[in-house]
Amino acid sequence: MAGAEEVHLVFFNRDKDVKWNDKIWHRQDSYEGKMVDIWGC
């Protein structure tokens, strides 16, 4: 994370059979004492 103040991790779901609203999500977790925003789309 090289001194970053904000960390975001994004996962892309390219499955055509999954509805768009089911692909969108967000959660927060911590890693080595830093908050990480994790997004799915």
C-alpha atoms as a PDB file:
ATOM      1  CA  MET A   1       0.000   0.000   0.000  1.00  0.00           C
ATOM      2  CA  ALA A   2       3.106   2.165  -0.184  1.00  0.00           C
ATOM      3  CA  GLY A   3       2.017   5.047   2.058  1.00  0.00           C
ATOM      4  CA  ALA A   4      -1.474   5.346   0.595  1.00  0.00           C
ATOM      5  CA  GLU A   5      -4.062   7.107   2.736  1.00  0.00           C
ATOM      6  CA  GLU A   6      -6.985   5.437   0.952  1.00  0.00           C
ATOM      7  CA  VAL A   7      -7.114   1.939  -0.470  1.00  0.00           C
ATOM      8  CA  HIS A   8      -9.781   0.655  -2.871  1.00  0.00           C
ATOM      9  CA  LEU A   9      -9.989  -2.822  -4.375  1.00  0.00           C
ATOM     10  CA  VAL A  10     -12.448  -3.423  -7.238  1.00  0.00           C
ATOM     11  CA  PHE A  11     -13.712  -6.776  -8.532  1.00  0.00           C
ATOM     12  CA  PHE A  12     -15.472  -6.955 -11.906  1.00  0.00           C
ATOM     13  CA  ASN A  13     -18.104  -9.657 -12.413  1.00  0.00           C
ATOM     14  CA  ARG A  14     -18.413 -10.211 -16.170  1.00  0.00           C
ATOM     15  CA  ASP A  15     -20.938 -13.063 -15.887  1.00  0.00           C
ATOM     16  CA  LYS A  16     -23.813 -12.238 -18.269  1.00  0.00           C
ATOM     17  CA  ASP A  17     -26.211 -14.402 -16.244  1.00  0.00           C
ATOM     18  CA  VAL A  18     -25.880 -12.261 -13.091  1.00  0.00           C
ATOM     19  CA  LYS A  19     -28.183  -9.226 -12.915  1.00  0.00           C
ATOM     20  CA  TRP A  20     -26.509  -5.836 -12.588  1.00  0.00           C
ATOM     21  CA  ASN A  21     -28.026  -5.135  -9.145  1.00  0.00           C
ATOM     22  CA  ASP A  22     -26.624  -8.428  -7.854  1.00  0.00           C
ATOM     23  CA  LYS A  23     -23.128  -7.496  -9.050  1.00  0.00           C
ATOM     24  CA  ILE A  24     -22.976  -4.204  -7.126  1.00  0.00           C
ATOM     25  CA  TRP A  25     -21.675  -4.427  -3.571  1.00  0.00           C
ATOM     26  CA  HIS A  26     -19.348  -2.682  -1.152  1.00  0.00           C
ATOM     27  CA  ARG A  27     -17.704  -3.608   2.117  1.00  0.00           C
ATOM     28  CA  GLN A  28     -14.868  -2.387   4.286  1.00  0.00           C
ATOM     29  CA  ASP A  29     -12.150  -4.460   5.867  1.00  0.00           C
ATOM     30  CA  SER A  30      -8.781  -3.756   7.403  1.00  0.00           C
ATOM     31  CA  TYR A  31      -5.361  -4.901   6.262  1.00  0.00           C
ATOM     32  CA  GLU A  32      -2.207  -4.204   8.240  1.00  0.00           C
ATOM     33  CA  GLY A  33      -4.079  -1.551  10.229  1.00  0.00           C
ATOM     34  CA  LYS A  34      -5.412   0.294   7.156  1.00  0.00           C
ATOM     35  CA  MET A  35      -9.049   0.427   6.089  1.00  0.00           C
ATOM     36  CA  VAL A  36      -9.692  -1.024   2.635  1.00  0.00           C
ATOM     37  CA  ASP A  37     -12.849  -0.309   0.626  1.00  0.00           C
ATOM     38  CA  ILE A  38     -13.728  -3.378  -1.433  1.00  0.00           C
ATOM     39  CA  TRP A  39     -16.146  -2.944  -4.323  1.00  0.00           C
ATOM     40  CA  GLY A  40     -17.872  -5.399  -6.637  1.00  0.00           C
ATOM     41  CA  CYS A  41     -19.424  -4.405  -9.924  1.00  0.00           C
END
